[in-house]
Protein backbone atom coordinates (compact mmCIF):
# COMPACT_ATOMS: atom_id res chain seq x y z
CA MET A 1 220.62 147.08 170.57
CA GLN A 2 219.08 144.02 172.24
CA HIS A 3 218.53 145.68 175.63
CA ILE A 4 215.81 147.90 174.03
CA TYR A 5 213.74 144.72 173.53
CA ALA A 6 214.58 143.06 176.88
CA ASP A 7 211.59 140.82 177.46
CA PRO A 8 211.18 137.06 177.90
CA THR A 9 208.89 136.84 174.87
CA PHE A 10 211.41 138.55 172.60
CA GLN A 11 214.14 136.29 173.92
CA MET A 12 211.98 133.28 173.11
CA ALA A 13 211.38 134.57 169.58
CA CYS A 14 215.14 135.10 169.12
CA ASP A 15 215.94 131.63 170.46
CA GLN A 16 213.45 130.17 167.96
CA PHE A 17 215.05 132.18 165.18
CA TRP A 18 218.59 131.04 165.99
CA MET A 19 217.37 127.45 166.02
CA ILE A 20 215.95 127.79 162.52
CA ALA A 21 218.92 129.90 161.34
CA GLU A 22 221.23 127.07 162.29
CA HIS A 23 218.99 124.55 160.50
CA LEU A 24 218.88 126.65 157.35
CA GLN A 25 222.56 127.64 157.68
CA ILE A 26 221.68 131.33 157.19
CA PRO A 27 224.89 133.36 156.80
CA MET A 28 225.91 135.04 160.08
CA ASN A 29 226.02 138.47 158.49
CA MET A 30 222.31 138.20 157.67
CA ARG A 31 221.05 136.99 161.01
CA ASP A 32 220.79 140.31 162.92
CA ARG A 33 219.10 141.92 159.90
CA LEU A 34 216.48 139.20 159.94
CA MET A 35 215.99 139.10 163.67
CA TYR A 36 215.90 142.76 164.73
CA PRO A 37 213.01 145.02 163.65
CA LYS A 38 213.32 147.39 160.75
CA ARG A 39 211.67 150.14 162.74
CA SER A 40 210.44 150.53 166.32
CA ILE A 41 208.34 153.48 167.50
CA ALA A 42 207.52 154.47 171.09
CA VAL A 43 204.98 157.32 171.67
CA ALA A 44 203.40 159.11 174.50
CA VAL A 45 199.62 158.86 174.38
CA PRO A 46 198.07 161.63 176.56
CA VAL A 47 194.37 161.10 177.26
CA ARG A 48 191.84 163.28 179.09
CA MET A 49 189.97 161.09 181.54
CA ASP A 50 186.33 161.40 182.44
CA ASP A 51 187.17 163.21 185.73
CA GLY A 52 189.06 165.93 183.83
CA SER A 53 192.55 164.71 184.67
CA VAL A 54 195.11 163.85 181.94
CA ARG A 55 196.89 160.46 181.98
CA CYS A 56 199.82 159.69 179.71
CA PHE A 57 199.97 156.11 178.41
CA GLN A 58 202.90 154.41 176.67
CA GLY A 59 202.31 153.29 173.08
CA TYR A 60 204.40 151.20 170.70
CA ARG A 61 204.56 150.06 167.06
CA VAL A 62 207.17 147.65 165.65
CA GLN A 63 207.64 147.02 161.94
CA HIS A 64 209.79 143.91 161.57
CA THR A 65 210.54 143.68 157.88
CA LEU A 66 209.46 145.57 154.72
CA ALA A 67 211.15 143.14 152.34
CA MET A 68 207.94 141.34 151.37
CA GLY A 69 205.65 144.37 151.10
CA PRO A 70 203.89 146.60 153.70
CA THR A 71 203.88 145.37 157.28
CA LYS A 72 200.72 143.94 158.86
CA GLY A 73 199.84 143.27 162.46
CA GLY A 74 197.36 143.83 165.30
CA THR A 75 197.33 146.42 168.06
CA ARG A 76 196.81 145.19 171.57
CA PHE A 77 195.76 147.17 174.65
CA GLY A 78 196.96 145.35 177.79
CA PRO A 79 198.59 145.77 181.20
CA THR A 80 201.62 143.66 180.20
CA VAL A 81 202.52 145.28 176.90
CA THR A 82 206.22 146.05 176.37
CA ILE A 83 208.19 146.97 173.30
CA GLY A 84 209.97 143.63 173.62
CA GLU A 85 206.73 141.68 173.54
CA VAL A 86 205.51 143.72 170.57
CA ALA A 87 208.84 143.12 168.77
CA ALA A 88 208.49 139.33 169.31
CA LEU A 89 204.95 139.31 167.95
CA ALA A 90 206.07 141.37 164.90
CA MET A 91 208.79 138.83 164.17
CA TRP A 92 206.38 135.88 164.43
CA MET A 93 203.97 137.75 162.13
CA SER A 94 206.71 138.00 159.45
CA TRP A 95 207.22 134.20 159.44
CA LYS A 96 203.44 133.64 159.57
CA CYS A 97 202.73 135.90 156.56
CA ALA A 98 205.57 134.34 154.57
CA LEU A 99 204.37 130.80 155.33
CA ALA A 100 200.86 131.72 154.12
CA GLY A 101 202.28 133.36 151.01
CA LEU A 102 200.96 136.82 151.87
CA PRO A 103 202.74 139.95 150.49
CA TYR A 104 203.35 141.35 153.96
CA GLY A 105 206.10 141.77 156.55
CA GLY A 106 205.22 141.45 160.20
CA ALA A 107 204.26 144.32 162.54
CA LYS A 108 202.58 144.72 165.91
CA GLY A 109 201.49 147.61 168.11
CA GLY A 110 200.25 148.12 171.61
CA VAL A 111 199.44 150.43 174.50
CA TYR A 112 200.38 149.69 178.09
CA VAL A 113 196.91 149.98 179.66
CA ASP A 114 194.19 147.83 181.26
CA PRO A 115 191.23 148.57 178.94
CA ARG A 116 188.76 147.07 181.42
CA LYS A 117 189.43 150.05 183.70
CA LEU A 118 188.48 152.61 181.05
CA SER A 119 185.06 153.96 180.34
CA GLY A 120 183.78 153.72 176.74
CA SER A 121 184.59 157.38 176.14
CA GLU A 122 188.07 157.04 177.61
CA LEU A 123 188.72 153.98 175.39
CA GLU A 124 187.64 156.00 172.34
CA ARG A 125 189.95 158.94 173.23
CA LEU A 126 192.86 156.55 173.86
CA SER A 127 192.26 154.74 170.55
CA ARG A 128 192.04 157.97 168.51
CA ARG A 129 195.08 159.55 170.16
CA TYR A 130 197.21 156.42 169.63
CA MET A 131 196.28 156.41 165.95
CA GLN A 132 197.03 160.17 165.66
CA GLU A 133 200.47 159.59 167.08
CA MET A 134 201.09 156.73 164.59
CA ILE A 135 200.02 158.59 161.42
CA PRO A 136 203.56 159.67 160.43
CA PHE A 137 204.74 156.02 160.45
CA ILE A 138 201.88 154.00 158.87
CA GLY A 139 199.80 153.87 155.72
CA PRO A 140 197.85 151.42 153.50
CA HIS A 141 201.07 150.62 151.60
CA THR A 142 203.43 150.94 154.59
CA ASP A 143 201.83 149.36 157.68
CA ILE A 144 198.21 148.17 158.17
CA MET A 145 196.76 147.77 161.63
CA GLY A 146 194.27 145.14 162.91
CA PRO A 147 192.66 144.08 166.18
CA ASP A 148 194.39 142.06 168.92
CA MET A 149 193.94 141.39 172.60
CA GLY A 150 192.08 144.26 174.23
CA THR A 151 190.93 145.81 170.92
CA ASN A 152 188.02 145.00 168.65
CA GLU A 153 185.96 146.12 165.60
CA GLN A 154 184.92 149.37 167.33
CA VAL A 155 188.50 150.30 168.08
CA MET A 156 189.44 149.64 164.43
CA ALA A 157 186.55 151.90 163.34
CA TRP A 158 187.93 154.70 165.54
CA PHE A 159 191.41 154.12 164.11
CA MET A 160 190.12 154.34 160.53
CA ASP A 161 188.05 157.43 161.21
CA THR A 162 190.98 159.20 162.88
CA TYR A 163 193.32 158.43 159.98
CA SER A 164 190.64 159.32 157.39
CA ALA A 165 189.80 162.65 159.06
CA ASN A 166 193.53 163.52 158.91
CA LEU A 167 193.71 162.85 155.16
CA GLY A 168 190.30 164.39 154.41
CA HIS A 169 188.72 161.32 152.79
CA ALA A 170 187.81 157.71 153.76
CA VAL A 171 190.76 155.26 153.88
CA PRO A 172 189.21 151.94 154.86
CA GLU A 173 192.34 150.04 153.84
CA ILE A 174 194.38 151.50 156.68
CA VAL A 175 192.99 148.89 159.13
CA THR A 176 191.46 145.46 159.00
CA GLY A 177 189.05 143.83 161.39
CA LYS A 178 186.74 146.83 161.15
CA PRO A 179 182.94 146.69 161.07
CA VAL A 180 181.30 145.64 157.72
CA SER A 181 179.46 148.96 157.66
CA VAL A 182 182.73 150.83 157.10
CA GLY A 183 184.42 148.42 154.72
CA GLY A 184 185.12 145.35 156.85
CA THR A 185 184.79 141.85 155.51
CA TYR A 186 182.32 139.15 156.46
CA GLY A 187 183.88 136.44 158.64
CA ARG A 188 186.92 138.39 159.85
CA ARG A 189 186.02 138.13 163.56
CA GLU A 190 185.59 134.38 163.38
CA SER A 191 188.53 133.76 160.96
CA THR A 192 191.28 132.75 163.42
CA GLY A 193 189.00 130.37 165.34
CA ARG A 194 187.62 128.87 162.15
CA GLY A 195 191.14 128.31 160.89
CA VAL A 196 192.08 126.55 164.13
CA VAL A 197 189.11 124.19 163.78
CA TYR A 198 189.88 123.50 160.09
CA LEU A 199 193.49 122.57 160.88
CA ILE A 200 192.46 120.32 163.80
CA GLU A 201 190.12 118.57 161.38
CA ARG A 202 192.97 118.10 158.87
CA ALA A 203 195.32 116.79 161.61
CA ALA A 204 192.67 114.35 162.81
CA HIS A 205 192.19 113.10 159.23
CA LEU A 206 195.90 112.44 158.91
CA LEU A 207 195.90 110.60 162.24
CA LYS A 208 192.74 108.64 161.27
CA MET A 209 191.23 110.03 164.47
CA LYS A 210 187.50 110.56 164.83
CA LEU A 211 186.57 113.84 166.51
CA GLY A 212 182.96 112.87 167.37
CA ASN A 213 182.80 112.40 171.19
CA ALA A 214 186.51 113.12 171.46
CA THR A 215 187.55 115.58 174.23
CA ALA A 216 189.06 119.03 173.99
CA VAL A 217 190.49 121.66 176.37
CA VAL A 218 190.55 125.32 175.35
CA GLN A 219 192.83 127.58 177.36
CA GLY A 220 191.69 131.14 176.72
CA PHE A 221 187.96 131.72 176.11
CA GLY A 222 188.30 135.01 174.27
CA ASN A 223 187.35 135.62 170.66
CA VAL A 224 189.63 132.93 169.18
CA GLY A 225 189.10 130.34 171.90
CA ALA A 226 185.35 130.73 172.00
CA VAL A 227 184.95 130.41 168.26
CA ALA A 228 187.24 127.39 168.20
CA ALA A 229 185.37 125.77 171.06
CA GLN A 230 182.05 126.33 169.29
CA GLY A 231 183.39 124.79 166.04
CA LEU A 232 184.80 121.76 167.82
CA ALA A 233 181.65 121.21 169.89
CA TYR A 234 178.82 121.89 167.43
CA LYS A 235 180.45 121.20 164.08
CA ASN A 236 182.50 118.17 165.13
CA GLY A 237 180.60 116.84 168.11
CA MET A 238 183.46 117.07 170.58
CA LYS A 239 183.16 117.38 174.28
CA ILE A 240 184.78 120.54 175.63
CA ILE A 241 185.84 119.43 179.10
CA GLY A 242 187.95 122.46 180.11
CA ILE A 243 188.00 126.21 179.43
CA SER A 244 189.65 129.21 181.01
CA ASP A 245 189.95 132.98 180.91
CA ILE A 246 191.44 135.76 183.09
CA SER A 247 189.12 134.74 185.92
CA GLY A 248 190.42 131.16 186.17
CA ALA A 249 190.00 127.63 184.78
CA TYR A 250 186.89 125.46 184.70
CA TYR A 251 186.38 121.74 184.21
CA ASN A 252 183.43 119.44 183.51
CA GLU A 253 184.23 115.83 182.60
CA HIS A 254 180.79 115.42 180.97
CA GLY A 255 181.29 118.44 178.65
CA ILE A 256 180.69 122.14 178.96
CA ASP A 257 177.80 123.87 177.20
CA VAL A 258 179.87 126.30 175.11
CA ARG A 259 176.88 128.49 174.15
CA ALA A 260 175.91 128.83 177.88
CA ALA A 261 179.51 129.79 178.67
CA GLU A 262 179.53 132.43 175.91
CA LYS A 263 176.25 133.82 177.18
CA HIS A 264 177.64 134.01 180.70
CA VAL A 265 180.73 135.94 179.42
CA ARG A 266 178.54 138.40 177.47
CA GLN A 267 176.43 139.08 180.57
CA ARG A 268 179.14 139.06 183.28
CA GLY A 269 182.31 139.97 181.41
CA ASP A 270 184.23 136.74 182.21
CA LEU A 271 183.69 133.14 183.31
CA ALA A 272 183.70 133.81 187.02
CA GLY A 273 180.65 132.20 188.67
CA PHE A 274 179.90 130.01 185.60
CA SER A 275 177.64 127.22 186.91
CA GLY A 276 178.31 124.71 184.08
CA ALA A 277 181.79 123.69 185.26
CA GLU A 278 183.91 123.44 188.45
CA PRO A 279 186.82 125.79 189.12
CA ILE A 280 190.20 124.07 189.02
CA PRO A 281 193.75 125.45 189.43
CA ALA A 282 194.76 127.28 186.25
CA ASP A 283 198.02 125.28 185.96
CA ASP A 284 196.12 122.03 185.90
CA LEU A 285 194.08 122.87 182.85
CA LEU A 286 196.89 122.35 180.33
CA THR A 287 197.76 118.89 181.72
CA LEU A 288 194.21 117.46 181.68
CA ARG A 289 193.91 114.25 179.67
CA CYS A 290 192.19 115.14 176.38
CA ASP A 291 192.34 114.45 172.64
CA VAL A 292 192.83 118.06 171.55
CA LEU A 293 194.54 120.84 173.53
CA VAL A 294 194.07 124.45 172.30
CA PRO A 295 196.21 127.07 174.03
CA ALA A 296 194.44 130.27 172.89
CA ALA A 297 195.60 132.86 175.40
CA VAL A 298 199.10 134.23 175.93
CA SER A 299 202.70 133.21 175.13
CA GLY A 300 204.89 130.89 177.20
CA VAL A 301 202.20 128.84 178.94
CA ILE A 302 203.75 125.49 177.79
CA HIS A 303 207.19 125.39 179.24
CA GLY A 304 209.90 122.99 180.36
CA GLY A 305 208.10 122.38 183.65
CA ASN A 306 204.79 121.16 182.14
CA ALA A 307 205.60 119.99 178.57
CA GLY A 308 206.29 116.47 179.74
CA LYS A 309 202.90 116.31 181.55
CA ILE A 310 200.68 117.30 178.64
CA GLN A 311 198.24 114.49 177.78
CA CYS A 312 196.74 115.30 174.36
CA ARG A 313 197.02 113.82 170.85
CA ILE A 314 196.75 117.13 168.99
CA LEU A 315 198.27 120.38 170.25
CA ALA A 316 196.70 123.25 168.28
CA GLU A 317 198.56 126.49 169.05
CA ALA A 318 195.88 129.16 168.65
CA ALA A 319 197.87 131.74 170.64
CA ASN A 320 201.15 133.38 169.58
CA GLY A 321 204.18 131.73 171.09
CA PRO A 322 202.41 129.52 173.63
CA THR A 323 205.30 127.04 173.67
CA THR A 324 208.79 127.97 174.90
CA VAL A 325 212.00 126.63 173.31
CA ASP A 326 212.59 124.43 176.35
CA ALA A 327 209.11 122.94 175.99
CA ASP A 328 209.80 122.36 172.31
CA LYS A 329 212.79 120.17 173.16
CA VAL A 330 210.42 117.96 175.17
CA LEU A 331 207.71 117.98 172.48
CA PHE A 332 210.28 117.10 169.77
CA GLU A 333 211.02 113.93 171.75
CA ARG A 334 207.25 113.21 172.03
CA TRP A 335 206.43 113.77 168.32
CA LYS A 336 204.96 110.30 167.91
CA GLU A 337 202.53 110.99 170.83
CA ILE A 338 201.67 114.66 170.16
CA PHE A 339 200.78 116.14 166.75
CA VAL A 340 201.75 119.79 167.02
CA ILE A 341 200.04 122.41 164.79
CA PRO A 342 202.52 125.33 165.30
CA ASP A 343 201.23 128.80 166.04
CA ILE A 344 202.43 130.46 162.82
CA LEU A 345 200.28 127.99 160.92
CA CYS A 346 197.48 127.36 163.41
CA ASN A 347 196.40 130.93 164.05
CA ALA A 348 197.10 132.31 160.59
CA GLY A 349 193.43 132.48 159.70
CA GLY A 350 193.14 136.00 161.11
CA VAL A 351 195.89 137.57 159.00
CA ILE A 352 194.77 135.65 155.91
CA VAL A 353 191.27 137.12 156.08
CA SER A 354 192.76 140.49 157.04
CA TYR A 355 194.66 140.30 153.74
CA PHE A 356 191.39 139.58 151.92
CA GLU A 357 189.80 142.59 153.65
CA TRP A 358 192.70 144.86 152.69
CA VAL A 359 192.42 143.74 149.04
CA GLN A 360 188.67 144.31 149.06
CA SER A 361 189.08 147.77 150.59
CA LEU A 362 191.75 148.76 148.00
CA GLN A 363 189.54 147.63 145.15
CA SER A 364 186.14 148.61 146.56
CA PHE A 365 185.01 145.18 145.50
CA PHE A 366 183.52 142.93 148.15
CA TRP A 367 182.96 139.19 148.60
CA ASN A 368 180.31 137.39 150.55
CA GLU A 369 181.09 135.24 153.61
CA THR A 370 181.02 131.94 151.73
CA GLU A 371 183.67 133.26 149.30
CA VAL A 372 185.81 134.52 152.22
CA VAL A 373 185.65 131.19 154.10
CA ASP A 374 186.35 129.16 150.94
CA ARG A 375 189.42 131.27 150.14
CA LEU A 376 190.63 131.02 153.73
CA PHE A 377 190.49 127.22 153.75
CA ARG A 378 192.28 127.02 150.42
CA VAL A 379 195.21 129.09 151.73
CA LEU A 380 195.33 127.11 154.95
CA GLU A 381 195.26 123.85 153.02
CA GLN A 382 198.28 124.90 150.96
CA SER A 383 200.22 125.97 154.04
CA PHE A 384 199.29 122.82 156.02
CA GLY A 385 200.32 120.59 153.11
CA ALA A 386 203.64 122.40 152.72
CA VAL A 387 204.46 122.02 156.44
CA ILE A 388 203.57 118.32 156.52
CA ARG A 389 205.60 117.60 153.35
CA ARG A 390 208.62 119.50 154.66
CA ALA A 391 208.47 117.71 157.98
CA ARG A 392 208.29 114.29 156.36
CA GLU A 393 210.96 114.93 153.77
CA GLU A 394 213.49 116.28 156.26
CA LYS A 395 212.26 114.20 159.21
CA ILE A 396 211.95 117.32 161.36
CA PRO A 397 209.19 118.53 163.84
CA HIS A 398 206.29 120.53 162.46
CA ARG A 399 207.40 123.76 164.09
CA LEU A 400 210.84 123.54 162.53
CA ALA A 401 209.19 122.82 159.16
CA ALA A 402 206.78 125.78 159.43
CA LEU A 403 209.54 128.17 160.49
CA ALA A 404 211.86 126.87 157.80
CA ILE A 405 209.34 127.70 155.08
CA GLY A 406 208.52 131.12 156.47
CA VAL A 407 212.08 132.25 157.24
CA GLU A 408 213.40 130.88 153.95
CA ARG A 409 210.93 133.03 152.00
CA VAL A 410 211.93 136.16 153.90
CA VAL A 411 215.63 135.37 153.37
CA LYS A 412 215.03 134.95 149.64
CA ALA A 413 213.25 138.33 149.48
CA ARG A 414 216.06 140.02 151.38
CA GLN A 415 218.70 138.44 149.15
CA ASP A 416 216.89 139.41 145.96
CA ARG A 417 216.37 143.00 147.05
CA GLY A 418 219.94 143.33 148.29
CA LEU A 419 221.42 145.78 150.78
CA PHE A 420 220.79 149.46 150.00
CA PRO A 421 224.22 151.22 149.89
C-alpha cells in the first residue's frame, strides 16, 4: 500500500508516527490502521481554458480518520502537490485536531497546478470542477474543506456555491474560510497567524523573555507569515530582521517595515524588488541569529544539515512539518537552547476557528470577532498548557509531548469504537 503515497513528506509523517508509537507502546496491530488514510481519492479535473483548449488537471482528497467525527482539512492548489504530500498533511491534521480537542479527523485535498499561471476565470472553472468531482465523497458531516496554499476565501465561495447548486439549497457548512457575506466567520483569515503570535507570547512568558526590541525572522511571507510578522512587530514591538517568499529571502538588521512589505506584495505579487531589505541566499535566512524564528512556508526546511546552525531562542513552527525527523534529533539535544512550539500546536489557530465557523454555519448563529478571538485563545491556552505539563512530567521534548496527546486521543477513540466486523 505504501507505494501509493511515495513522497518524502509522507515518509517524514510516518517516521514521526513510528517515533510516537514506540513512545506510547501502541500495539503493532493498530499502527497501520492509525497511519494509513481511511480513504484516498484521485480525480481528473478537466477545465476549458480561455483559449478554448481543454486541460486535465490531477486532483486529490485524503480522509485520514473518521474515528473522531467528520474529517476537516484545507485544499491546496500548487505545482508540487502529490497524493503522498496530501496524505501526510491529512495525518498531521488528525493529531492537530485531537490535540486541540476538536471533534474532527484529519483530511487534506489538492490539485497539481500552478494557480499563478491561471486567469481568474480559469481558476474559477478549476475550483468549481474540482468541487463537482468531490461531491460524492464529502459533506458537512463527512468531510469539510477549507483554504490552504494557493486557495483563498474566493475559492471557498466557489466551492460552497457549486456544492449548494448541486443540492438545490445553500450549504454554507460544507466549507470554512469563506467570505463573511456567505456565512464565513470574522477573524478566520488571520486566525493561524494570530495563534502563532499568542503562543510565542506564552513561550516568552515562560522563558521570562521580553519581546520588545527582540528580533524575529519569518520564513514565508504568505497569509500566515505576514499576519504573524505584523503581530510580532506592531503588537509586541519586535524587529523583523528577515522575511522570505517564493521570490527569495530579504534581510535588514535594523528591522523591516512589515506594512511596507505587505503593500509591496499586494502591488507586485511577491517580495521581488522590495527596497526595504537586502536580498540574501534563501538557505541563510533560517540560520540568522534571532530571538524568534518562524518557519511559515513549506515542510522539511529545517533538516539534519542546518538544525545545528539555527540561532534562535524560540522556534515557532507556523508551517506544517517544517522540521524533519533528523533535525528533531538535533533539536532534542538543544532543548535547553531552543524552545520549540511544534507545528500541530503552533499553527492550530486556523482549524480551531474553522471549527467555530462550521458550528456557526450549522446553527445559523454568528459571533463577533472579539468572541471568536477570545474563544481561539482559550483553546490554544488549554492545548499549550497540556503540552508543557506533559513535557515536564515525562521529561520529553515538546514535539513528542504534543504528538503523544494527539495520537493518544485518536487511539482511545479507535479502541472505544472497535473494529467493524
